[in-house]
Structure formats: structure tokens, C-alpha cells
Amino acid sequence: MEKLKIGSSIPSFSLKDQDGKIFDIDSVRGKKNLVIYFYPKDDSPGCTKEACSFRDQFDVFNEADAMIIGISSQSVESHKAFAEKHRLNYTLLSDPGNKVRKMFGVPTNLFGLIPGRVTYVVDKEAKVVFMFNSQIDAEKHVDEALRILKGM
């Protein structure tokens, strides 16, 4: 599967959320703007900063009719603990085996050892309008996504 680019339609997928419920992207695809961010690991310093930034800007994303979805390969239980510890107010999806990460074509960094950190902004036509790839600038993912949504 080739990686998504600006203008690509996002693929259909279903994953379990932090409460163990199946979340089907088709239930929101084409109805809301989506901010789908792939992150390396629950509770690591960069990922915690990024997750908390999304949490803190939740209302601003909501005003832009955007749903925030965080995806990484950790278990449902890990996501639940991460969400509770940091009072995360949005959907975290467990992607065991990185199936959805591969569908999106998210690269790995550092000799393929660390899963990449990439944010996709998807419009109401389910098309990718923006991608931001940065392992280090975790909080910039939030700023960039908001900048794009405000311009839509």
C-alpha cells in the first residue's frame, strides 16, 4: 500500500479504543474534520506532551468541527491508563501490529526502531489536506493542525 499524500482519501479501518469498544472510522469519515495522529508510545515524554497539548486545545478543535484520534500500537489497557492518568478527552486507538499505521504509510525513525510521529488533517470529504511529520516537535503537531483547520 502506498503512503497517503495530500488529496488521498483515508482508508477504512476499525480498531479498539481505550475503553475496548470497536471504533469504525467510517462512522465519522466524511461527516467531521479529523485530526488523526500516530504517536510512538503511551506515557513517553514526547507523546505525553503531544497528547496533553491536544487535550488542552480540545475545545478549539471542537469549534472547528474536528475529532481528534490518537493511534499507537500499545494495548487497550495501556491506552486506558494513559488516558486516565492525563485526563485525555478524546479517542485513543490501539493498533496492534501497526496495521493502520502501515495503511497510512507512516514511516519509522531511527533505523526503523521508533514508530514515526505523523499527524494527518482530514476534511469532510475524507481527503488528507495536511500532514505533519516530526519526531521531535511533539507539541507543534497540535499548532500545525489547528492552523490548517482554522484556514479551512
N, C-alpha and C. Protein backbone atom coordinates (compact mmCIF):
# COMPACT_ATOMS: atom_id res chain seq x y z
N MET A 1 0.86 -1.20 0.00
CA MET A 1 0.00 0.00 0.00
C MET A 1 0.89 1.24 0.00
N GLU A 2 0.63 2.14 -0.92
CA GLU A 2 1.47 3.34 -0.93
C GLU A 2 1.00 4.31 0.14
N LYS A 3 1.93 5.15 0.58
CA LYS A 3 1.56 6.04 1.69
C LYS A 3 0.64 7.16 1.23
N LEU A 4 -0.14 7.64 2.17
CA LEU A 4 -1.09 8.71 1.86
C LEU A 4 -0.35 10.00 1.55
N LYS A 5 -0.96 10.79 0.66
CA LYS A 5 -0.42 12.10 0.33
C LYS A 5 -1.57 13.11 0.46
N ILE A 6 -1.23 14.37 0.31
CA ILE A 6 -2.28 15.40 0.27
C ILE A 6 -3.22 15.05 -0.88
N GLY A 7 -4.52 15.07 -0.60
CA GLY A 7 -5.51 14.73 -1.63
C GLY A 7 -5.94 13.27 -1.61
N SER A 8 -5.18 12.39 -0.92
CA SER A 8 -5.58 10.98 -0.81
C SER A 8 -6.81 10.86 0.08
N SER A 9 -7.65 9.87 -0.22
CA SER A 9 -8.74 9.52 0.69
C SER A 9 -8.18 8.59 1.75
N ILE A 10 -8.65 8.77 2.98
CA ILE A 10 -8.16 7.88 4.03
C ILE A 10 -8.83 6.52 3.90
N PRO A 11 -8.12 5.45 4.25
CA PRO A 11 -8.69 4.11 4.16
C PRO A 11 -9.70 3.85 5.27
N SER A 12 -10.57 2.88 5.03
CA SER A 12 -11.48 2.42 6.08
C SER A 12 -10.71 1.54 7.04
N PHE A 13 -11.02 1.66 8.32
CA PHE A 13 -10.42 0.78 9.32
C PHE A 13 -11.26 0.78 10.58
N SER A 14 -11.10 -0.27 11.38
CA SER A 14 -11.73 -0.37 12.69
C SER A 14 -10.66 -0.81 13.68
N LEU A 15 -10.62 -0.15 14.83
CA LEU A 15 -9.70 -0.52 15.90
C LEU A 15 -10.42 -0.37 17.24
N LYS A 16 -9.88 -1.00 18.28
CA LYS A 16 -10.46 -0.81 19.61
C LYS A 16 -9.96 0.49 20.22
N ASP A 17 -10.88 1.19 20.91
CA ASP A 17 -10.49 2.42 21.61
C ASP A 17 -10.04 2.09 23.03
N GLN A 18 -9.74 3.14 23.81
CA GLN A 18 -9.20 2.93 25.16
C GLN A 18 -10.21 2.27 26.10
N ASP A 19 -11.49 2.21 25.70
CA ASP A 19 -12.49 1.52 26.51
C ASP A 19 -12.78 0.11 26.00
N GLY A 20 -12.00 -0.33 24.98
CA GLY A 20 -12.19 -1.67 24.44
C GLY A 20 -13.33 -1.76 23.44
N LYS A 21 -13.95 -0.62 23.08
CA LYS A 21 -15.05 -0.62 22.11
C LYS A 21 -14.45 -0.50 20.71
N ILE A 22 -15.09 -1.17 19.75
CA ILE A 22 -14.65 -1.07 18.36
C ILE A 22 -15.02 0.32 17.83
N PHE A 23 -14.03 1.02 17.30
CA PHE A 23 -14.25 2.32 16.67
C PHE A 23 -14.05 2.14 15.17
N ASP A 24 -15.09 2.44 14.40
CA ASP A 24 -15.02 2.33 12.95
C ASP A 24 -14.89 3.73 12.37
N ILE A 25 -13.79 3.98 11.67
CA ILE A 25 -13.54 5.32 11.12
C ILE A 25 -14.68 5.74 10.19
N ASP A 26 -15.35 4.78 9.56
CA ASP A 26 -16.45 5.13 8.64
C ASP A 26 -17.63 5.78 9.35
N SER A 27 -17.69 5.65 10.69
CA SER A 27 -18.78 6.29 11.43
C SER A 27 -18.61 7.81 11.48
N VAL A 28 -17.41 8.32 11.25
CA VAL A 28 -17.17 9.76 11.29
C VAL A 28 -16.58 10.29 9.97
N ARG A 29 -16.06 9.38 9.16
CA ARG A 29 -15.42 9.75 7.90
C ARG A 29 -16.42 10.45 6.97
N GLY A 30 -16.06 11.63 6.49
CA GLY A 30 -16.94 12.37 5.60
C GLY A 30 -17.99 13.18 6.34
N LYS A 31 -18.02 13.08 7.69
CA LYS A 31 -19.02 13.83 8.47
C LYS A 31 -18.36 14.94 9.29
N LYS A 32 -17.12 14.71 9.69
CA LYS A 32 -16.39 15.68 10.52
C LYS A 32 -15.01 15.87 9.93
N ASN A 33 -14.37 16.97 10.30
CA ASN A 33 -12.94 17.09 10.05
C ASN A 33 -12.26 16.15 11.04
N LEU A 34 -11.18 15.52 10.64
CA LEU A 34 -10.48 14.59 11.52
C LEU A 34 -9.03 14.99 11.67
N VAL A 35 -8.55 14.88 12.88
CA VAL A 35 -7.12 15.04 13.14
C VAL A 35 -6.67 13.68 13.67
N ILE A 36 -5.98 12.94 12.81
CA ILE A 36 -5.53 11.59 13.16
C ILE A 36 -4.03 11.67 13.39
N TYR A 37 -3.63 11.41 14.62
CA TYR A 37 -2.19 11.46 14.86
C TYR A 37 -1.66 10.12 15.33
N PHE A 38 -0.58 9.71 14.71
CA PHE A 38 0.13 8.48 15.06
C PHE A 38 1.28 8.88 15.97
N TYR A 39 1.42 8.18 17.07
CA TYR A 39 2.49 8.51 18.02
C TYR A 39 3.19 7.24 18.45
N PRO A 40 4.46 7.35 18.90
CA PRO A 40 5.23 6.16 19.20
C PRO A 40 4.77 5.35 20.42
N LYS A 41 4.52 6.00 21.57
CA LYS A 41 4.33 5.19 22.78
C LYS A 41 3.61 5.95 23.88
N ASP A 42 2.64 5.30 24.50
CA ASP A 42 1.94 5.87 25.65
C ASP A 42 2.93 6.25 26.74
N ASP A 43 2.70 7.43 27.31
CA ASP A 43 3.42 7.86 28.52
C ASP A 43 4.91 8.12 28.34
N SER A 44 5.43 8.13 27.12
CA SER A 44 6.81 8.58 26.94
C SER A 44 6.78 10.11 26.96
N PRO A 45 7.90 10.78 27.25
CA PRO A 45 7.85 12.24 27.45
C PRO A 45 7.27 13.02 26.26
N GLY A 46 7.73 12.75 25.05
CA GLY A 46 7.23 13.49 23.88
C GLY A 46 5.76 13.21 23.61
N CYS A 47 5.39 11.95 23.73
CA CYS A 47 3.99 11.56 23.46
C CYS A 47 3.04 12.13 24.50
N THR A 48 3.51 12.21 25.75
CA THR A 48 2.67 12.79 26.81
C THR A 48 2.46 14.28 26.54
N LYS A 49 3.54 14.96 26.15
CA LYS A 49 3.42 16.39 25.83
C LYS A 49 2.44 16.61 24.69
N GLU A 50 2.58 15.80 23.64
CA GLU A 50 1.70 15.92 22.48
C GLU A 50 0.25 15.64 22.87
N ALA A 51 0.02 14.54 23.59
CA ALA A 51 -1.33 14.15 23.99
C ALA A 51 -1.98 15.22 24.85
N CYS A 52 -1.22 15.79 25.78
CA CYS A 52 -1.76 16.82 26.67
C CYS A 52 -2.02 18.12 25.92
N SER A 53 -1.22 18.42 24.91
CA SER A 53 -1.48 19.60 24.07
C SER A 53 -2.79 19.45 23.32
N PHE A 54 -3.01 18.25 22.75
CA PHE A 54 -4.29 18.01 22.08
C PHE A 54 -5.43 18.14 23.09
N ARG A 55 -5.25 17.61 24.28
CA ARG A 55 -6.27 17.71 25.33
C ARG A 55 -6.58 19.17 25.64
N ASP A 56 -5.53 19.96 25.82
CA ASP A 56 -5.70 21.36 26.23
C ASP A 56 -6.36 22.20 25.15
N GLN A 57 -6.24 21.78 23.90
CA GLN A 57 -6.84 22.53 22.78
C GLN A 57 -8.13 21.87 22.29
N PHE A 58 -8.65 20.92 23.06
CA PHE A 58 -9.81 20.14 22.63
C PHE A 58 -10.97 21.02 22.17
N ASP A 59 -11.27 22.06 22.95
CA ASP A 59 -12.41 22.93 22.61
C ASP A 59 -12.20 23.66 21.29
N VAL A 60 -10.97 24.03 21.02
CA VAL A 60 -10.67 24.73 19.76
C VAL A 60 -10.87 23.78 18.58
N PHE A 61 -10.44 22.54 18.75
CA PHE A 61 -10.67 21.54 17.68
C PHE A 61 -12.17 21.30 17.51
N ASN A 62 -12.88 21.23 18.64
CA ASN A 62 -14.32 21.02 18.60
C ASN A 62 -15.01 22.14 17.83
N GLU A 63 -14.60 23.38 18.07
CA GLU A 63 -15.17 24.53 17.34
C GLU A 63 -14.93 24.41 15.84
N ALA A 64 -13.83 23.77 15.46
CA ALA A 64 -13.52 23.57 14.03
C ALA A 64 -14.19 22.30 13.50
N ASP A 65 -15.12 21.74 14.28
CA ASP A 65 -15.83 20.51 13.93
C ASP A 65 -14.84 19.39 13.61
N ALA A 66 -13.79 19.31 14.43
CA ALA A 66 -12.76 18.30 14.21
C ALA A 66 -12.71 17.31 15.37
N MET A 67 -12.59 16.05 15.03
CA MET A 67 -12.44 14.99 16.01
C MET A 67 -10.96 14.60 16.08
N ILE A 68 -10.44 14.49 17.28
CA ILE A 68 -9.04 14.10 17.49
C ILE A 68 -8.99 12.59 17.73
N ILE A 69 -8.09 11.92 17.02
CA ILE A 69 -7.90 10.48 17.18
C ILE A 69 -6.40 10.21 17.27
N GLY A 70 -5.97 9.63 18.40
CA GLY A 70 -4.57 9.25 18.57
C GLY A 70 -4.43 7.75 18.36
N ILE A 71 -3.40 7.33 17.62
CA ILE A 71 -3.21 5.91 17.31
C ILE A 71 -1.77 5.49 17.61
N SER A 72 -1.63 4.41 18.37
CA SER A 72 -0.32 3.78 18.54
C SER A 72 -0.54 2.29 18.77
N SER A 73 0.55 1.54 18.84
CA SER A 73 0.42 0.08 18.87
C SER A 73 0.21 -0.49 20.27
N GLN A 74 0.24 0.34 21.31
CA GLN A 74 0.04 -0.20 22.66
C GLN A 74 -1.37 -0.77 22.83
N SER A 75 -1.51 -1.57 23.88
CA SER A 75 -2.77 -2.25 24.15
C SER A 75 -3.87 -1.28 24.59
N VAL A 76 -5.09 -1.78 24.55
CA VAL A 76 -6.26 -1.04 25.05
C VAL A 76 -6.01 -0.63 26.51
N GLU A 77 -5.47 -1.55 27.31
CA GLU A 77 -5.22 -1.28 28.74
C GLU A 77 -4.20 -0.16 28.92
N SER A 78 -3.17 -0.19 28.10
CA SER A 78 -2.14 0.86 28.16
C SER A 78 -2.76 2.22 27.81
N HIS A 79 -3.57 2.23 26.75
CA HIS A 79 -4.24 3.48 26.34
C HIS A 79 -5.17 3.99 27.44
N LYS A 80 -5.89 3.07 28.08
CA LYS A 80 -6.83 3.44 29.14
C LYS A 80 -6.07 4.10 30.30
N ALA A 81 -4.96 3.49 30.71
CA ALA A 81 -4.16 4.04 31.81
C ALA A 81 -3.59 5.40 31.42
N PHE A 82 -3.11 5.53 30.19
CA PHE A 82 -2.54 6.78 29.68
C PHE A 82 -3.62 7.88 29.67
N ALA A 83 -4.79 7.54 29.15
CA ALA A 83 -5.90 8.50 29.07
C ALA A 83 -6.35 8.94 30.47
N GLU A 84 -6.44 8.00 31.39
CA GLU A 84 -6.89 8.34 32.75
C GLU A 84 -5.84 9.17 33.48
N LYS A 85 -4.59 8.79 33.37
CA LYS A 85 -3.51 9.49 34.06
C LYS A 85 -3.44 10.97 33.64
N HIS A 86 -3.65 11.22 32.34
CA HIS A 86 -3.51 12.58 31.82
C HIS A 86 -4.85 13.22 31.45
N ARG A 87 -5.96 12.61 31.89
CA ARG A 87 -7.30 13.14 31.64
C ARG A 87 -7.51 13.48 30.16
N LEU A 88 -7.15 12.54 29.29
CA LEU A 88 -7.31 12.76 27.85
C LEU A 88 -8.78 12.63 27.50
N ASN A 89 -9.26 13.59 26.74
CA ASN A 89 -10.70 13.72 26.48
C ASN A 89 -11.06 13.40 25.03
N TYR A 90 -10.31 12.52 24.42
CA TYR A 90 -10.57 12.16 23.02
C TYR A 90 -10.18 10.69 22.81
N THR A 91 -10.43 10.21 21.61
CA THR A 91 -10.28 8.80 21.28
C THR A 91 -8.82 8.41 21.07
N LEU A 92 -8.41 7.35 21.77
CA LEU A 92 -7.11 6.71 21.50
C LEU A 92 -7.41 5.32 20.96
N LEU A 93 -6.75 4.96 19.87
CA LEU A 93 -6.99 3.66 19.25
C LEU A 93 -5.75 2.78 19.35
N SER A 94 -5.99 1.51 19.66
CA SER A 94 -4.93 0.52 19.75
C SER A 94 -4.76 -0.15 18.40
N ASP A 95 -3.55 -0.09 17.86
CA ASP A 95 -3.24 -0.61 16.53
C ASP A 95 -2.17 -1.71 16.65
N PRO A 96 -2.56 -2.88 17.22
CA PRO A 96 -1.57 -3.93 17.39
C PRO A 96 -1.06 -4.39 16.03
N GLY A 97 0.25 -4.58 15.94
CA GLY A 97 0.82 -4.99 14.66
C GLY A 97 0.93 -3.84 13.67
N ASN A 98 0.57 -2.63 14.10
CA ASN A 98 0.71 -1.43 13.26
C ASN A 98 0.02 -1.54 11.90
N LYS A 99 -1.12 -2.21 11.87
CA LYS A 99 -1.85 -2.43 10.62
C LYS A 99 -2.28 -1.09 9.99
N VAL A 100 -2.90 -0.23 10.81
CA VAL A 100 -3.40 1.05 10.28
C VAL A 100 -2.23 1.99 10.00
N ARG A 101 -1.22 1.96 10.86
CA ARG A 101 -0.01 2.76 10.63
C ARG A 101 0.55 2.45 9.23
N LYS A 102 0.57 1.16 8.88
CA LYS A 102 1.08 0.75 7.56
C LYS A 102 0.14 1.22 6.44
N MET A 103 -1.18 1.16 6.69
CA MET A 103 -2.16 1.62 5.68
C MET A 103 -1.93 3.09 5.34
N PHE A 104 -1.57 3.87 6.35
CA PHE A 104 -1.33 5.30 6.14
C PHE A 104 0.08 5.56 5.59
N GLY A 105 0.96 4.56 5.74
CA GLY A 105 2.33 4.74 5.27
C GLY A 105 3.17 5.59 6.20
N VAL A 106 2.88 5.53 7.51
CA VAL A 106 3.66 6.31 8.48
C VAL A 106 5.05 5.69 8.59
N PRO A 107 6.09 6.50 8.40
CA PRO A 107 7.45 5.95 8.45
C PRO A 107 7.91 5.68 9.87
N THR A 108 8.94 4.84 9.98
CA THR A 108 9.59 4.68 11.27
C THR A 108 10.85 5.54 11.24
N ASN A 109 11.34 5.90 12.40
CA ASN A 109 12.53 6.74 12.50
C ASN A 109 13.63 5.98 13.21
N LEU A 110 14.80 6.54 13.26
CA LEU A 110 15.95 5.94 13.96
C LEU A 110 16.14 4.47 13.59
N PHE A 111 16.55 4.23 12.37
CA PHE A 111 16.84 2.87 11.88
C PHE A 111 15.63 1.95 12.02
N GLY A 112 14.44 2.51 11.92
CA GLY A 112 13.24 1.69 11.99
C GLY A 112 12.89 1.20 13.40
N LEU A 113 13.56 1.77 14.41
CA LEU A 113 13.31 1.30 15.78
C LEU A 113 12.16 2.02 16.45
N ILE A 114 11.96 3.28 16.10
CA ILE A 114 10.91 4.07 16.76
C ILE A 114 9.82 4.37 15.75
N PRO A 115 8.57 4.02 16.09
CA PRO A 115 7.46 4.36 15.18
C PRO A 115 7.40 5.88 14.99
N GLY A 116 7.10 6.30 13.78
CA GLY A 116 7.06 7.74 13.48
C GLY A 116 5.92 8.47 14.17
N ARG A 117 6.07 9.79 14.23
CA ARG A 117 5.05 10.67 14.80
C ARG A 117 4.55 11.54 13.64
N VAL A 118 3.36 11.22 13.15
CA VAL A 118 2.81 11.94 12.00
C VAL A 118 1.35 12.28 12.29
N THR A 119 0.98 13.51 11.97
CA THR A 119 -0.40 13.98 12.14
C THR A 119 -1.00 14.24 10.76
N TYR A 120 -2.23 13.75 10.57
CA TYR A 120 -2.98 13.97 9.34
C TYR A 120 -4.21 14.80 9.66
N VAL A 121 -4.44 15.85 8.86
CA VAL A 121 -5.70 16.59 8.96
C VAL A 121 -6.53 16.17 7.75
N VAL A 122 -7.76 15.71 8.03
CA VAL A 122 -8.63 15.14 7.01
C VAL A 122 -9.91 15.96 6.96
N ASP A 123 -10.31 16.37 5.76
CA ASP A 123 -11.51 17.21 5.64
C ASP A 123 -12.78 16.36 5.59
N LYS A 124 -13.92 17.03 5.43
CA LYS A 124 -15.21 16.33 5.47
C LYS A 124 -15.48 15.51 4.21
N GLU A 125 -14.58 15.60 3.23
CA GLU A 125 -14.68 14.70 2.07
C GLU A 125 -13.79 13.47 2.29
N ALA A 126 -13.24 13.34 3.51
CA ALA A 126 -12.36 12.22 3.88
C ALA A 126 -11.03 12.26 3.14
N LYS A 127 -10.62 13.45 2.69
CA LYS A 127 -9.35 13.63 1.99
C LYS A 127 -8.31 14.25 2.91
N VAL A 128 -7.08 13.80 2.76
CA VAL A 128 -5.97 14.37 3.53
C VAL A 128 -5.67 15.77 2.98
N VAL A 129 -5.76 16.78 3.84
CA VAL A 129 -5.45 18.15 3.41
C VAL A 129 -4.11 18.63 3.96
N PHE A 130 -3.57 17.90 4.96
CA PHE A 130 -2.31 18.33 5.56
C PHE A 130 -1.68 17.16 6.30
N MET A 131 -0.34 17.10 6.24
CA MET A 131 0.40 16.10 7.01
C MET A 131 1.57 16.79 7.67
N PHE A 132 1.84 16.41 8.89
CA PHE A 132 2.99 16.96 9.61
C PHE A 132 3.76 15.81 10.22
N ASN A 133 5.04 15.70 9.85
CA ASN A 133 5.87 14.59 10.30
C ASN A 133 7.04 15.16 11.09
N SER A 134 7.04 14.97 12.40
CA SER A 134 8.17 15.40 13.21
C SER A 134 8.24 14.57 14.47
N GLN A 135 9.33 13.88 14.64
CA GLN A 135 9.52 13.05 15.82
C GLN A 135 9.77 13.93 17.05
N ILE A 136 10.48 15.04 16.86
CA ILE A 136 10.96 15.84 17.99
C ILE A 136 9.95 16.91 18.42
N ASP A 137 9.37 17.63 17.48
CA ASP A 137 8.46 18.74 17.83
C ASP A 137 7.06 18.23 18.13
N ALA A 138 6.93 17.50 19.24
CA ALA A 138 5.65 16.86 19.55
C ALA A 138 4.50 17.86 19.63
N GLU A 139 4.71 18.98 20.32
CA GLU A 139 3.60 19.92 20.50
C GLU A 139 3.28 20.69 19.23
N LYS A 140 4.24 20.79 18.32
CA LYS A 140 4.00 21.52 17.07
C LYS A 140 2.92 20.83 16.24
N HIS A 141 2.71 19.53 16.45
CA HIS A 141 1.66 18.82 15.72
C HIS A 141 0.30 19.47 15.99
N VAL A 142 0.08 19.86 17.22
CA VAL A 142 -1.19 20.48 17.62
C VAL A 142 -1.32 21.85 16.96
N ASP A 143 -0.28 22.66 17.04
CA ASP A 143 -0.30 24.01 16.45
C ASP A 143 -0.55 23.96 14.95
N GLU A 144 0.16 23.04 14.28
CA GLU A 144 0.02 22.94 12.82
C GLU A 144 -1.38 22.48 12.43
N ALA A 145 -1.90 21.50 13.14
CA ALA A 145 -3.25 21.00 12.83
C ALA A 145 -4.29 22.11 13.02
N LEU A 146 -4.15 22.88 14.10
CA LEU A 146 -5.09 23.99 14.34
C LEU A 146 -4.97 25.06 13.26
N ARG A 147 -3.74 25.35 12.87
CA ARG A 147 -3.52 26.38 11.83
C ARG A 147 -4.26 25.98 10.55
N ILE A 148 -4.17 24.73 10.17
CA ILE A 148 -4.81 24.26 8.94
C ILE A 148 -6.34 24.28 9.09
N LEU A 149 -6.83 23.79 10.21
CA LEU A 149 -8.28 23.76 10.43
C LEU A 149 -8.89 25.16 10.41
N LYS A 150 -8.19 26.11 11.01
CA LYS A 150 -8.72 27.48 11.04
C LYS A 150 -8.78 28.09 9.64
N GLY A 151 -7.91 27.60 8.75
CA GLY A 151 -7.90 28.13 7.39
C GLY A 151 -8.88 27.42 6.45
N MET A 152 -9.54 26.37 6.95
CA MET A 152 -10.44 25.59 6.08
C MET A 152 -11.82 26.23 5.96
